[in-house]
Amino acid sequence: MKQGSTLFLRIAVILIGAPVLGLCLFGIPWLANNPVNPDYAHMLYPILIIMYGTAIPFFTALYQAFRLLNYIDTNIAFSNISVRALKMIKYCAVIIGILYLVGMPFLYLIAEVDDAPGIIVIGLVIIFASSVIAVFAAVLQKLLQEAINIKSENDLTV
């Protein structure tokens, strides 16, 4: 495959990661130091910790996606290392979903105090999106593993 065939996807991975990196470096520390309502700032800190905690699997998944695009460019997409990359993306998505599921009670408390039910919806959307990504990565992982098995059977018969 040509070297730049996945350029658009690489740019998309970078554009997805850049705002999250900016949020981790500037947004979350600012919010921790300047809570909107200092009376319930103590409920905000567990959510900020969970947001920082989800940054690690998020960037790990982006790195694995970048590696997967490199494998596609170098014609080794149908290999076990691609299956491992998809497996890691699946695990990262599951971890993100679990962390936000753990944070839902804190989001509920803030929504009750602030009378803002939209916060709960945002948490549910993140959980749903990470679940969809995990299932999609699992399906791709299974399909890729079956394609590798078929390829190895064909190589043995030839």
Protein backbone atom coordinates (compact mmCIF):
# COMPACT_ATOMS: atom_id res chain seq x y z
CA MET A 1 0.00 0.00 0.00
CA LYS A 2 1.17 3.52 -0.62
CA GLN A 3 2.83 5.26 2.31
CA GLY A 4 0.33 8.12 2.61
CA SER A 5 -2.89 6.19 2.12
CA THR A 6 -3.85 6.48 5.77
CA LEU A 7 -2.79 10.11 6.14
CA PHE A 8 -6.35 11.32 6.73
CA LEU A 9 -6.84 8.83 9.56
CA ARG A 10 -3.51 9.77 11.12
CA ILE A 11 -4.52 13.44 11.07
CA ALA A 12 -7.88 12.48 12.61
CA VAL A 13 -6.12 10.61 15.43
CA ILE A 14 -3.95 13.65 16.13
CA LEU A 15 -6.95 15.99 16.00
CA ILE A 16 -8.84 13.76 18.43
CA GLY A 17 -5.94 13.67 20.88
CA ALA A 18 -4.95 17.34 20.79
CA PRO A 19 -8.05 18.80 22.52
CA VAL A 20 -7.98 16.09 25.18
CA LEU A 21 -4.32 16.82 25.84
CA GLY A 22 -5.12 20.52 26.11
CA LEU A 23 -7.95 19.75 28.50
CA CYS A 24 -5.66 17.60 30.64
CA LEU A 25 -2.91 20.22 30.73
CA PHE A 26 -4.97 23.39 31.09
CA GLY A 27 -8.71 22.78 31.53
CA ILE A 28 -8.88 20.30 34.39
CA PRO A 29 -6.26 22.07 36.57
CA TRP A 30 -8.03 25.38 36.02
CA LEU A 31 -11.38 23.84 36.96
CA ALA A 32 -9.86 22.27 40.06
CA ASN A 33 -8.48 25.64 41.19
CA ASN A 34 -11.56 27.66 40.20
CA PRO A 35 -14.71 25.62 40.88
CA VAL A 36 -17.94 27.25 39.78
CA ASN A 37 -19.48 26.85 43.21
CA PRO A 38 -16.94 26.34 46.03
CA ASP A 39 -19.66 24.87 48.29
CA TYR A 40 -19.67 21.59 46.41
CA ALA A 41 -16.14 21.54 45.05
CA HIS A 42 -15.48 18.43 47.15
CA MET A 43 -17.89 16.52 44.85
CA LEU A 44 -16.03 17.79 41.80
CA TYR A 45 -12.61 16.39 42.74
CA PRO A 46 -13.47 12.68 42.28
CA ILE A 47 -14.80 13.46 38.80
CA LEU A 48 -11.60 15.32 37.91
CA ILE A 49 -9.54 12.38 39.16
CA ILE A 50 -11.62 10.02 37.01
CA MET A 51 -11.14 12.33 34.02
CA TYR A 52 -7.38 12.21 34.53
CA GLY A 53 -7.61 8.45 35.00
CA THR A 54 -9.39 8.01 31.69
CA ALA A 55 -6.74 10.04 29.88
CA ILE A 56 -4.23 7.19 30.23
CA PRO A 57 -6.31 4.51 28.45
CA PHE A 58 -7.54 7.14 25.98
CA PHE A 59 -4.04 8.05 24.85
CA THR A 60 -3.01 4.40 24.91
CA ALA A 61 -5.88 3.59 22.54
CA LEU A 62 -4.92 6.49 20.27
CA TYR A 63 -1.33 5.25 20.20
CA GLN A 64 -2.51 1.74 19.32
CA ALA A 65 -4.71 3.18 16.54
CA PHE A 66 -1.69 5.07 15.22
CA ARG A 67 0.36 1.85 15.30
CA LEU A 68 -2.44 0.01 13.51
CA LEU A 69 -2.35 2.62 10.75
CA ASN A 70 1.42 2.10 10.50
CA TYR A 71 0.84 -1.65 10.12
CA ILE A 72 -1.64 -0.97 7.33
CA ASP A 73 0.87 1.26 5.52
CA THR A 74 3.64 -1.33 5.79
CA ASN A 75 1.43 -4.21 4.59
CA ILE A 76 1.50 -6.11 7.87
CA ALA A 77 -2.11 -5.40 8.76
CA PHE A 78 -2.98 -9.11 8.65
CA SER A 79 -0.73 -10.16 11.49
CA ASN A 80 -0.95 -10.97 15.16
CA ILE A 81 0.45 -7.58 16.15
CA SER A 82 -2.61 -5.95 14.57
CA VAL A 83 -4.83 -8.28 16.55
CA ARG A 84 -2.97 -7.28 19.73
CA ALA A 85 -3.43 -3.58 18.89
CA LEU A 86 -7.18 -4.08 18.46
CA LYS A 87 -7.28 -6.06 21.70
CA MET A 88 -5.56 -3.20 23.52
CA ILE A 89 -8.01 -0.67 22.02
CA LYS A 90 -10.88 -2.85 23.23
CA TYR A 91 -9.46 -3.05 26.75
CA CYS A 92 -8.87 0.71 26.85
CA ALA A 93 -12.46 1.39 25.81
CA VAL A 94 -13.74 -0.97 28.50
CA ILE A 95 -11.57 0.72 31.13
CA ILE A 96 -12.86 4.16 30.12
CA GLY A 97 -16.45 2.94 30.33
CA ILE A 98 -15.88 1.39 33.75
CA LEU A 99 -14.20 4.51 35.11
CA TYR A 100 -17.08 6.72 34.00
CA LEU A 101 -19.54 4.19 35.38
CA VAL A 102 -17.76 4.50 38.72
CA GLY A 103 -18.00 8.29 38.42
CA MET A 104 -21.75 8.33 37.71
CA PRO A 105 -22.77 8.64 41.40
CA PHE A 106 -20.63 11.77 41.69
CA LEU A 107 -22.16 13.16 38.51
CA TYR A 108 -25.58 12.42 39.96
CA LEU A 109 -24.74 14.30 43.16
CA ILE A 110 -23.57 17.33 41.22
CA ALA A 111 -26.64 17.18 38.98
CA GLU A 112 -28.89 17.11 42.05
CA VAL A 113 -27.17 20.03 43.77
CA ASP A 114 -26.86 22.14 40.63
CA ASP A 115 -30.19 21.02 39.11
CA ALA A 116 -28.46 20.12 35.84
CA PRO A 117 -29.56 16.69 34.58
CA GLY A 118 -27.55 17.19 31.39
CA ILE A 119 -24.42 16.24 33.29
CA ILE A 120 -25.77 12.72 33.75
CA VAL A 121 -26.54 12.50 30.04
CA ILE A 122 -22.96 13.47 29.20
CA GLY A 123 -21.66 10.69 31.46
CA LEU A 124 -24.03 8.18 29.87
CA VAL A 125 -22.98 9.23 26.35
CA ILE A 126 -19.33 8.64 27.23
CA ILE A 127 -20.16 5.21 28.66
CA PHE A 128 -22.22 4.33 25.58
CA ALA A 129 -19.54 5.55 23.16
CA SER A 130 -16.80 3.59 24.88
CA SER A 131 -19.03 0.50 24.86
CA VAL A 132 -19.63 0.88 21.13
CA ILE A 133 -15.90 1.28 20.50
CA ALA A 134 -15.13 -1.79 22.62
CA VAL A 135 -17.66 -3.94 20.76
CA PHE A 136 -16.48 -2.64 17.38
CA ALA A 137 -12.84 -3.36 18.25
CA ALA A 138 -13.81 -6.85 19.46
CA VAL A 139 -15.62 -7.58 16.20
CA LEU A 140 -12.69 -6.29 14.15
CA GLN A 141 -10.30 -8.32 16.28
CA LYS A 142 -12.29 -11.49 15.69
CA LEU A 143 -12.60 -10.85 11.95
CA LEU A 144 -8.90 -10.10 11.64
CA GLN A 145 -7.99 -13.24 13.58
CA GLU A 146 -10.20 -15.35 11.30
CA ALA A 147 -8.64 -13.72 8.22
CA ILE A 148 -5.17 -14.51 9.58
CA ASN A 149 -6.21 -18.13 10.20
CA ILE A 150 -7.59 -18.46 6.67
CA LYS A 151 -4.43 -16.90 5.25
CA SER A 152 -2.22 -19.31 7.19
CA GLU A 153 -4.32 -22.29 6.01
CA ASN A 154 -3.99 -21.12 2.42
CA ASP A 155 -0.25 -20.68 2.83
CA LEU A 156 0.03 -24.27 4.07
CA THR A 157 -1.90 -25.71 1.12
CA VAL A 158 0.11 -23.88 -1.51
